[in-house]
C-alpha atoms as a PDB file:
ATOM      1  CA  MET A   1     127.475  79.268 113.793  1.00  0.00           C
ATOM      2  CA  ASN A   2     125.906  82.370 112.304  1.00  0.00           C
ATOM      3  CA  ASP A   3     124.143  81.677 109.023  1.00  0.00           C
ATOM      4  CA  GLU A   4     123.220  85.255 108.216  1.00  0.00           C
ATOM      5  CA  PRO A   5     120.326  85.098 105.746  1.00  0.00           C
ATOM      6  CA  THR A   6     120.100  87.219 102.643  1.00  0.00           C
ATOM      7  CA  THR A   7     118.071  90.238 103.665  1.00  0.00           C
ATOM      8  CA  ASP A   8     114.517  90.695 102.396  1.00  0.00           C
ATOM      9  CA  ALA A   9     115.661  94.111 101.204  1.00  0.00           C
ATOM     10  CA  ALA A  10     117.911  92.570  98.552  1.00  0.00           C
ATOM     11  CA  PRO A  11     116.929  93.542  94.995  1.00  0.00           C
ATOM     12  CA  LEU A  12     114.719  91.250  92.955  1.00  0.00           C
ATOM     13  CA  PRO A  13     114.590  90.528  89.218  1.00  0.00           C
ATOM     14  CA  THR A  14     111.787  91.851  87.061  1.00  0.00           C
ATOM     15  CA  VAL A  15     108.604  89.785  87.322  1.00  0.00           C
ATOM     16  CA  VAL A  16     107.228  88.603  83.948  1.00  0.00           C
ATOM     17  CA  ASP A  17     104.714  86.044  82.747  1.00  0.00           C
ATOM     18  CA  ARG A  18     105.779  82.415  82.414  1.00  0.00           C
ATOM     19  CA  ALA A  19     105.964  82.429  78.600  1.00  0.00           C
ATOM     20  CA  HIS A  20     108.362  85.404  78.556  1.00  0.00           C
ATOM     21  CA  TRP A  21     110.435  83.855  81.376  1.00  0.00           C
ATOM     22  CA  GLN A  22     110.665  80.492  79.573  1.00  0.00           C
ATOM     23  CA  ALA A  23     111.722  82.173  76.329  1.00  0.00           C
ATOM     24  CA  GLN A  24     114.726  83.747  78.087  1.00  0.00           C
ATOM     25  CA  LEU A  25     115.561  80.439  79.765  1.00  0.00           C
ATOM     26  CA  ASP A  26     115.511  78.785  76.331  1.00  0.00           C
ATOM     27  CA  ASP A  27     117.961  81.398  75.032  1.00  0.00           C
ATOM     28  CA  LEU A  28     120.264  80.730  77.980  1.00  0.00           C
ATOM     29  CA  LEU A  29     119.988  76.975  77.407  1.00  0.00           C
ATOM     30  CA  VAL A  30     121.704  77.384  74.027  1.00  0.00           C
ATOM     31  CA  ARG A  31     124.728  78.877  75.789  1.00  0.00           C
ATOM     32  CA  GLU A  32     124.596  76.255  78.548  1.00  0.00           C
ATOM     33  CA  LYS A  33     124.651  73.433  76.007  1.00  0.00           C
ATOM     34  CA  ALA A  34     127.586  75.052  74.192  1.00  0.00           C
ATOM     35  CA  HIS A  35     129.404  75.268  77.537  1.00  0.00           C
ATOM     36  CA  THR A  36     128.727  71.578  78.199  1.00  0.00           C
ATOM     37  CA  ARG A  37     129.945  70.545  74.755  1.00  0.00           C
ATOM     38  CA  GLU A  38     133.130  72.577  75.168  1.00  0.00           C
ATOM     39  CA  GLY A  39     133.699  70.814  78.489  1.00  0.00           C
ATOM     40  CA  ASP A  40     133.281  67.501  76.677  1.00  0.00           C
ATOM     41  CA  ALA A  41     135.847  68.577  74.082  1.00  0.00           C
ATOM     42  CA  ILE A  42     138.345  69.617  76.776  1.00  0.00           C
ATOM     43  CA  ALA A  43     137.868  66.284  78.563  1.00  0.00           C
ATOM     44  CA  ALA A  44     138.485  64.495  75.262  1.00  0.00           C
ATOM     45  CA  ALA A  45     141.736  66.414  74.826  1.00  0.00           C
ATOM     46  CA  ARG A  46     142.696  65.587  78.410  1.00  0.00           C
ATOM     47  CA  ARG A  47     142.308  61.880  77.622  1.00  0.00           C
ATOM     48  CA  ARG A  48     144.812  62.289  74.795  1.00  0.00           C
ATOM     49  CA  LEU A  49     147.574  63.880  76.861  1.00  0.00           C
ATOM     50  CA  PRO A  50     150.903  62.086  77.245  1.00  0.00           C
ATOM     51  CA  MET A  51     151.983  61.063  80.749  1.00  0.00           C
ATOM     52  CA  VAL A  52     155.078  61.125  82.927  1.00  0.00           C
ATOM     53  CA  GLU A  53     156.455  58.225  84.965  1.00  0.00           C
ATOM     54  CA  VAL A  54     156.557  58.528  88.758  1.00  0.00           C
ATOM     55  CA  ASP A  55     158.623  56.417  91.132  1.00  0.00           C
ATOM     56  CA  PRO A  56     156.126  53.840  92.484  1.00  0.00           C
ATOM     57  CA  THR A  57     158.213  53.312  95.626  1.00  0.00           C
ATOM     58  CA  ILE A  58     157.707  56.875  96.922  1.00  0.00           C
ATOM     59  CA  GLU A  59     156.300  56.410 100.399  1.00  0.00           C
ATOM     60  CA  VAL A  60     153.365  58.068 102.107  1.00  0.00           C
ATOM     61  CA  VAL A  61     152.237  57.354 105.671  1.00  0.00           C
ATOM     62  CA  GLY A  62     148.905  55.644 106.257  1.00  0.00           C
ATOM     63  CA  PRO A  63     147.163  53.982 109.207  1.00  0.00           C
ATOM     64  CA  HIS A  64     149.720  51.149 109.274  1.00  0.00           C
ATOM     65  CA  GLY A  65     152.810  53.270 108.674  1.00  0.00           C
ATOM     66  CA  PRO A  66     154.731  54.020 105.472  1.00  0.00           C
ATOM     67  CA  VAL A  67     153.429  52.465 102.251  1.00  0.00           C
ATOM     68  CA  PRO A  68     154.595  52.884  98.648  1.00  0.00           C
ATOM     69  CA  LEU A  69     152.562  54.980  96.233  1.00  0.00           C
ATOM     70  CA  LEU A  70     151.695  51.795  94.358  1.00  0.00           C
ATOM     71  CA  GLU A  71     149.763  50.528  97.383  1.00  0.00           C
ATOM     72  CA  VAL A  72     147.563  53.640  97.585  1.00  0.00           C
ATOM     73  CA  PHE A  73     145.790  52.478  94.416  1.00  0.00           C
ATOM     74  CA  GLU A  74     144.170  49.700  96.498  1.00  0.00           C
ATOM     75  CA  GLY A  75     144.495  47.398  93.483  1.00  0.00           C
ATOM     76  CA  ARG A  76     142.634  49.731  91.138  1.00  0.00           C
ATOM     77  CA  ARG A  77     144.019  51.043  87.867  1.00  0.00           C
ATOM     78  CA  GLN A  78     143.672  54.765  88.544  1.00  0.00           C
ATOM     79  CA  LEU A  79     144.141  57.111  91.497  1.00  0.00           C
ATOM     80  CA  ILE A  80     142.975  60.657  92.175  1.00  0.00           C
ATOM     81  CA  ALA A  81     144.948  62.262  95.001  1.00  0.00           C
ATOM     82  CA  TYR A  82     143.957  65.539  96.618  1.00  0.00           C
ATOM     83  CA  PHE A  83     146.964  67.312  98.158  1.00  0.00           C
ATOM     84  CA  HIS A  84     145.537  68.810 101.340  1.00  0.00           C
ATOM     85  CA  MET A  85     147.355  71.843 102.746  1.00  0.00           C
ATOM     86  CA  TRP A  86     148.151  71.559 106.454  1.00  0.00           C
ATOM     87  CA  HIS A  87     149.361  73.996 109.105  1.00  0.00           C
ATOM     88  CA  ALA A  88     151.354  71.769 111.454  1.00  0.00           C
ATOM     89  CA  GLY A  89     150.710  72.349 115.129  1.00  0.00           C
ATOM     90  CA  ARG A  90     147.654  74.517 114.540  1.00  0.00           C
ATOM     91  CA  PRO A  91     144.242  73.610 116.028  1.00  0.00           C
ATOM     92  CA  ALA A  92     141.313  72.551 113.883  1.00  0.00           C
ATOM     93  CA  GLU A  93     139.992  76.088 113.468  1.00  0.00           C
ATOM     94  CA  GLY A  94     143.353  77.137 112.014  1.00  0.00           C
ATOM     95  CA  GLN A  95     143.427  74.540 109.245  1.00  0.00           C
ATOM     96  CA  CYS A  96     142.977  75.372 105.564  1.00  0.00           C
ATOM     97  CA  GLU A  97     139.422  76.473 104.883  1.00  0.00           C
ATOM     98  CA  GLY A  98     139.791  76.013 101.125  1.00  0.00           C
ATOM     99  CA  CYS A  99     140.995  72.413 101.350  1.00  0.00           C
ATOM    100  CA  THR A 100     138.289  71.710 103.915  1.00  0.00           C
ATOM    101  CA  PHE A 101     135.679  73.087 101.515  1.00  0.00           C
ATOM    102  CA  PHE A 102     136.792  71.250  98.389  1.00  0.00           C
ATOM    103  CA  ASN A 103     138.224  67.971  99.659  1.00  0.00           C
ATOM    104  CA  GLY A 104     135.392  67.529 102.148  1.00  0.00           C
ATOM    105  CA  GLN A 105     132.754  67.386  99.424  1.00  0.00           C
ATOM    106  CA  VAL A 106     134.098  64.178  97.880  1.00  0.00           C
ATOM    107  CA  ARG A 107     131.995  61.801  99.967  1.00  0.00           C
ATOM    108  CA  GLU A 108     130.456  58.968  97.911  1.00  0.00           C
ATOM    109  CA  LEU A 109     133.390  56.981  96.541  1.00  0.00           C
ATOM    110  CA  SER A 110     131.570  53.892  95.249  1.00  0.00           C
ATOM    111  CA  TYR A 111     130.947  55.393  91.811  1.00  0.00           C
ATOM    112  CA  LEU A 112     134.645  56.165  91.407  1.00  0.00           C
ATOM    113  CA  HIS A 113     135.472  52.638  92.527  1.00  0.00           C
ATOM    114  CA  SER A 114     133.081  51.224  89.921  1.00  0.00           C
ATOM    115  CA  ARG A 115     135.235  52.960  87.280  1.00  0.00           C
ATOM    116  CA  ASP A 116     138.417  51.420  88.731  1.00  0.00           C
ATOM    117  CA  VAL A 117     139.418  54.728  90.383  1.00  0.00           C
ATOM    118  CA  THR A 118     140.611  55.230  93.964  1.00  0.00           C
ATOM    119  CA  TYR A 119     140.324  58.627  95.659  1.00  0.00           C
ATOM    120  CA  ALA A 120     142.716  59.492  98.495  1.00  0.00           C
ATOM    121  CA  THR A 121     143.954  62.531 100.397  1.00  0.00           C
ATOM    122  CA  PHE A 122     147.664  63.302 100.641  1.00  0.00           C
ATOM    123  CA  CYS A 123     148.020  65.609 103.640  1.00  0.00           C
ATOM    124  CA  GLN A 124     150.900  68.051 104.003  1.00  0.00           C
ATOM    125  CA  GLY A 125     151.072  67.495 107.747  1.00  0.00           C
ATOM    126  CA  PRO A 126     151.888  64.571 110.040  1.00  0.00           C
ATOM    127  CA  TYR A 127     149.569  61.593 109.803  1.00  0.00           C
ATOM    128  CA  GLU A 128     148.222  61.628 113.361  1.00  0.00           C
ATOM    129  CA  GLU A 129     147.175  65.289 113.214  1.00  0.00           C
ATOM    130  CA  GLY A 130     145.664  64.969 109.780  1.00  0.00           C
ATOM    131  CA  VAL A 131     143.695  61.791 110.378  1.00  0.00           C
ATOM    132  CA  ARG A 132     142.238  63.264 113.572  1.00  0.00           C
ATOM    133  CA  TYR A 133     140.986  66.128 111.440  1.00  0.00           C
ATOM    134  CA  ARG A 134     139.507  63.708 108.900  1.00  0.00           C
ATOM    135  CA  ASP A 135     137.716  61.842 111.679  1.00  0.00           C
ATOM    136  CA  PHE A 136     136.472  65.054 113.296  1.00  0.00           C
ATOM    137  CA  MET A 137     135.030  66.110 109.944  1.00  0.00           C
ATOM    138  CA  GLY A 138     133.515  62.659 109.403  1.00  0.00           C
ATOM    139  CA  TRP A 139     135.161  62.085 106.049  1.00  0.00           C
ATOM    140  CA  ASP A 140     135.535  58.574 104.647  1.00  0.00           C
ATOM    141  CA  MET A 141     138.323  58.836 102.081  1.00  0.00           C
ATOM    142  CA  PRO A 142     141.673  57.088 102.602  1.00  0.00           C
ATOM    143  CA  TRP A 143     144.079  59.511 104.276  1.00  0.00           C
ATOM    144  CA  TYR A 144     147.865  59.630 104.057  1.00  0.00           C
ATOM    145  CA  SER A 145     150.601  61.977 105.139  1.00  0.00           C
ATOM    146  CA  ALA A 146     152.793  63.091 102.251  1.00  0.00           C
ATOM    147  CA  ARG A 147     154.928  65.372 104.427  1.00  0.00           C
ATOM    148  CA  ASP A 148     158.176  63.452 103.951  1.00  0.00           C
ATOM    149  CA  SER A 149     157.587  62.673 100.275  1.00  0.00           C
ATOM    150  CA  ALA A 150     156.241  66.069  99.230  1.00  0.00           C
ATOM    151  CA  GLU A 151     159.298  67.106  97.243  1.00  0.00           C
ATOM    152  CA  ALA A 152     159.261  63.926  95.160  1.00  0.00           C
ATOM    153  CA  LEU A 153     155.492  63.986  94.548  1.00  0.00           C
ATOM    154  CA  LEU A 154     155.017  67.705  93.985  1.00  0.00           C
ATOM    155  CA  ALA A 155     157.991  68.203  91.625  1.00  0.00           C
ATOM    156  CA  GLY A 156     158.095  71.942  92.288  1.00  0.00           C
ATOM    157  CA  ARG A 157     154.330  72.415  92.711  1.00  0.00           C
ATOM    158  CA  TRP A 158     152.311  72.963  95.894  1.00  0.00           C
ATOM    159  CA  PHE A 159     149.627  71.564  98.155  1.00  0.00           C
ATOM    160  CA  GLY A 160     146.056  72.469  97.284  1.00  0.00           C
ATOM    161  CA  MET A 161     145.984  70.565  93.999  1.00  0.00           C
ATOM    162  CA  GLN A 162     144.540  67.369  92.584  1.00  0.00           C
ATOM    163  CA  VAL A 163     146.588  64.797  90.674  1.00  0.00           C
ATOM    164  CA  CYS A 164     145.519  61.840  88.533  1.00  0.00           C
ATOM    165  CA  TYR A 165     147.709  58.738  88.381  1.00  0.00           C
ATOM    166  CA  LEU A 166     147.631  55.551  86.327  1.00  0.00           C
ATOM    167  CA  ARG A 167     148.977  52.179  87.452  1.00  0.00           C
ATOM    168  CA  HIS A 168     150.317  49.862  84.763  1.00  0.00           C
ATOM    169  CA  GLY A 169     151.613  46.702  86.413  1.00  0.00           C
ATOM    170  CA  ASP A 170     154.242  47.903  88.864  1.00  0.00           C
ATOM    171  CA  GLN A 171     154.668  51.239  87.102  1.00  0.00           C
ATOM    172  CA  VAL A 172     152.963  54.498  88.067  1.00  0.00           C
ATOM    173  CA  PHE A 173     152.352  57.448  85.769  1.00  0.00           C
ATOM    174  CA  GLU A 174     151.012  60.933  86.379  1.00  0.00           C
ATOM    175  CA  THR A 175     148.410  61.747  83.718  1.00  0.00           C
ATOM    176  CA  TYR A 176     146.947  65.107  84.819  1.00  0.00           C
ATOM    177  CA  TRP A 177     147.065  67.714  87.563  1.00  0.00           C
ATOM    178  CA  SER A 178     145.242  70.946  88.273  1.00  0.00           C
ATOM    179  CA  SER A 179     144.906  73.574  90.978  1.00  0.00           C
ATOM    180  CA  GLY A 180     143.255  76.898  91.735  1.00  0.00           C
ATOM    181  CA  ARG A 181     139.691  77.128  90.466  1.00  0.00           C
ATOM    182  CA  ALA A 182     140.007  73.707  88.882  1.00  0.00           C
ATOM    183  CA  ALA A 183     139.262  72.401  92.387  1.00  0.00           C
ATOM    184  CA  GLU A 184     135.665  73.461  91.771  1.00  0.00           C
ATOM    185  CA  ALA A 185     135.250  70.082  90.080  1.00  0.00           C
ATOM    186  CA  LEU A 186     135.193  68.675  93.615  1.00  0.00           C
ATOM    187  CA  SER A 187     132.444  71.025  94.798  1.00  0.00           C
ATOM    188  CA  ASN A 188     128.759  70.396  94.249  1.00  0.00           C
ATOM    189  CA  THR A 189     128.110  73.458  96.447  1.00  0.00           C
ATOM    190  CA  TYR A 190     129.412  75.929  93.888  1.00  0.00           C
ATOM    191  CA  ALA A 191     127.590  74.199  91.039  1.00  0.00           C
ATOM    192  CA  LEU A 192     124.331  74.466  92.971  1.00  0.00           C
ATOM    193  CA  LEU A 193     124.912  78.072  94.030  1.00  0.00           C
ATOM    194  CA  ASP A 194     125.644  79.038  90.417  1.00  0.00           C
ATOM    195  CA  MET A 195     122.077  77.999  89.552  1.00  0.00           C
ATOM    196  CA  THR A 196     120.522  80.244  92.200  1.00  0.00           C
ATOM    197  CA  LEU A 197     119.400  83.849  91.854  1.00  0.00           C
ATOM    198  CA  TYR A 198     122.121  85.379  94.022  1.00  0.00           C
ATOM    199  CA  GLY A 199     124.887  82.958  92.999  1.00  0.00           C
ATOM    200  CA  ARG A 200     127.900  82.478  95.253  1.00  0.00           C
ATOM    201  CA  GLN A 201     127.469  85.949  96.791  1.00  0.00           C
ATOM    202  CA  GLU A 202     131.183  86.588  96.361  1.00  0.00           C
ATOM    203  CA  THR A 203     132.625  90.003  95.583  1.00  0.00           C
ATOM    204  CA  TRP A 204     134.192  89.044  92.252  1.00  0.00           C
ATOM    205  CA  GLU A 205     130.939  87.888  90.624  1.00  0.00           C
ATOM    206  CA  ASN A 206     129.348  89.855  87.805  1.00  0.00           C
ATOM    207  CA  SER A 207     125.921  90.382  89.382  1.00  0.00           C
ATOM    208  CA  PRO A 208     123.290  93.122  89.020  1.00  0.00           C
ATOM    209  CA  SER A 209     123.762  96.227  91.163  1.00  0.00           C
ATOM    210  CA  GLY A 210     122.730  95.663  94.760  1.00  0.00           C
ATOM    211  CA  TRP A 211     122.915  91.856  94.637  1.00  0.00           C
ATOM    212  CA  PRO A 212     124.212  90.481  97.964  1.00  0.00           C
ATOM    213  CA  GLN A 213     127.956  89.848  97.864  1.00  0.00           C
ATOM    214  CA  ARG A 214     128.893  89.116 101.476  1.00  0.00           C
ATOM    215  CA  PHE A 215     132.006  87.050 100.821  1.00  0.00           C
ATOM    216  CA  GLY A 216     135.466  88.056  99.675  1.00  0.00           C
ATOM    217  CA  THR A 217     138.022  85.741  98.128  1.00  0.00           C
ATOM    218  CA  ASP A 218     140.690  85.710 100.835  1.00  0.00           C
ATOM    219  CA  GLY A 219     139.346  82.585 102.509  1.00  0.00           C
ATOM    220  CA  ASP A 220     136.416  84.179 104.331  1.00  0.00           C
ATOM    221  CA  GLN A 221     134.083  82.626 101.761  1.00  0.00           C
ATOM    222  CA  PHE A 222     134.840  79.277 103.416  1.00  0.00           C
ATOM    223  CA  ARG A 223     134.724  80.454 107.054  1.00  0.00           C
ATOM    224  CA  SER A 224     132.045  81.384 109.603  1.00  0.00           C
ATOM    225  CA  ASN A 225     132.832  82.921 112.995  1.00  0.00           C
ATOM    226  CA  GLY A 226     136.529  82.147 112.792  1.00  0.00           C
ATOM    227  CA  ARG A 227     136.317  78.514 111.650  1.00  0.00           C
ATOM    228  CA  PRO A 228     135.977  76.644 108.375  1.00  0.00           C
ATOM    229  CA  THR A 229     132.193  76.678 108.004  1.00  0.00           C
ATOM    230  CA  ALA A 230     131.712  72.906 107.923  1.00  0.00           C
ATOM    231  CA  GLN A 231     133.291  72.498 111.365  1.00  0.00           C
ATOM    232  CA  TRP A 232     130.344  74.016 113.206  1.00  0.00           C
ATOM    233  CA  SER A 233     127.911  71.194 112.503  1.00  0.00           C
ATOM    234  CA  ARG A 234     130.507  68.681 113.719  1.00  0.00           C
ATOM    235  CA  LEU A 235     130.963  70.567 116.979  1.00  0.00           C
ATOM    236  CA  GLU A 236     127.197  70.794 117.428  1.00  0.00           C
ATOM    237  CA  ALA A 237     127.055  67.010 116.974  1.00  0.00           C
ATOM    238  CA  GLY A 238     129.465  66.618 119.877  1.00  0.00           C
ATOM    239  CA  ARG A 239     132.583  65.595 117.981  1.00  0.00           C
ATOM    240  CA  SER A 240     135.983  66.459 119.397  1.00  0.00           C
ATOM    241  CA  ASP A 241     138.205  68.725 117.337  1.00  0.00           C
ATOM    242  CA  ASP A 242     141.307  67.889 119.397  1.00  0.00           C
ATOM    243  CA  LEU A 243     144.121  67.270 116.931  1.00  0.00           C
ATOM    244  CA  GLY A 244     146.685  66.556 119.621  1.00  0.00           C
ATOM    245  CA  THR A 245     148.494  69.841 118.923  1.00  0.00           C
ATOM    246  CA  ASN A 246     149.560  72.668 121.177  1.00  0.00           C
ATOM    247  CA  GLY A 247     148.037  75.241 118.842  1.00  0.00           C
ATOM    248  CA  THR A 248     151.275  77.186 118.322  1.00  0.00           C
ATOM    249  CA  GLY A 249     152.031  76.395 114.699  1.00  0.00           C
ATOM    250  CA  ASP A 250     152.231  79.069 112.034  1.00  0.00           C
ATOM    251  CA  ALA A 251     149.370  79.447 109.586  1.00  0.00           C
ATOM    252  CA  ALA A 252     150.141  79.999 105.928  1.00  0.00           C
ATOM    253  CA  PRO A 253     147.783  81.571 103.380  1.00  0.00           C
ATOM    254  CA  CYS A 254     144.966  79.313 102.247  1.00  0.00           C
ATOM    255  CA  CYS A 255     145.492  77.485  98.976  1.00  0.00           C
ATOM    256  CA  HIS A 256     142.183  78.635  97.426  1.00  0.00           C
ATOM    257  CA  ASN A 257     142.050  82.353  98.195  1.00  0.00           C
ATOM    258  CA  HIS A 258     141.623  83.537  94.606  1.00  0.00           C
ATOM    259  CA  HIS A 259     138.678  83.291  92.250  1.00  0.00           C
END
């Protein structure tokens, strides 16, 4: 893997004394707090949305074969499902870099469980291929294939989205869904990069002239040397990326190629 560092020749901000620097940080903090409060208000509105009923008998395929949607809740009241795009028959390096980036950052599930929420991945591809990928990546979330139930679950939408469900007895309701940049809620990486001097280093960002912007928005922001970036550390650790495919499947555009 080639982690090309930001060159020492990259421009630098103006250097000022600490008092002047802190004064500008304090001005920015006013805007940051307003942004946080607006996020709180949006979340409050989200909690007041109506919901739509979903057939609880829709089946997805898990480690023990087909199971109804109701069972994916694992007895909890709520479910967050990430719909992971999959290129059937393609090797690990050909799988969706955007879904790998976002879905792969949801690692510690105990806090969700403490709020009566289950997190699971609904993969577009066959179960055996997908779960091999999960294991290669070292992810812990429950994994299901939604290939045969995609039409019923998606209702005209697409993979590369996140959906929130509510279980009420034996009924299931969809309460919220989002896609595109809304997936950034899954990514602590972007939140951390946004706090740094050079940001995400992506071409769309409004940065000062000369700031490093090495990454486009066509999927290369999630890839290094031809693979989803996170795969390299797994290979270096000696994990097998054999998905049991012949590597001849067709690749579709990544689900998170826009900013």
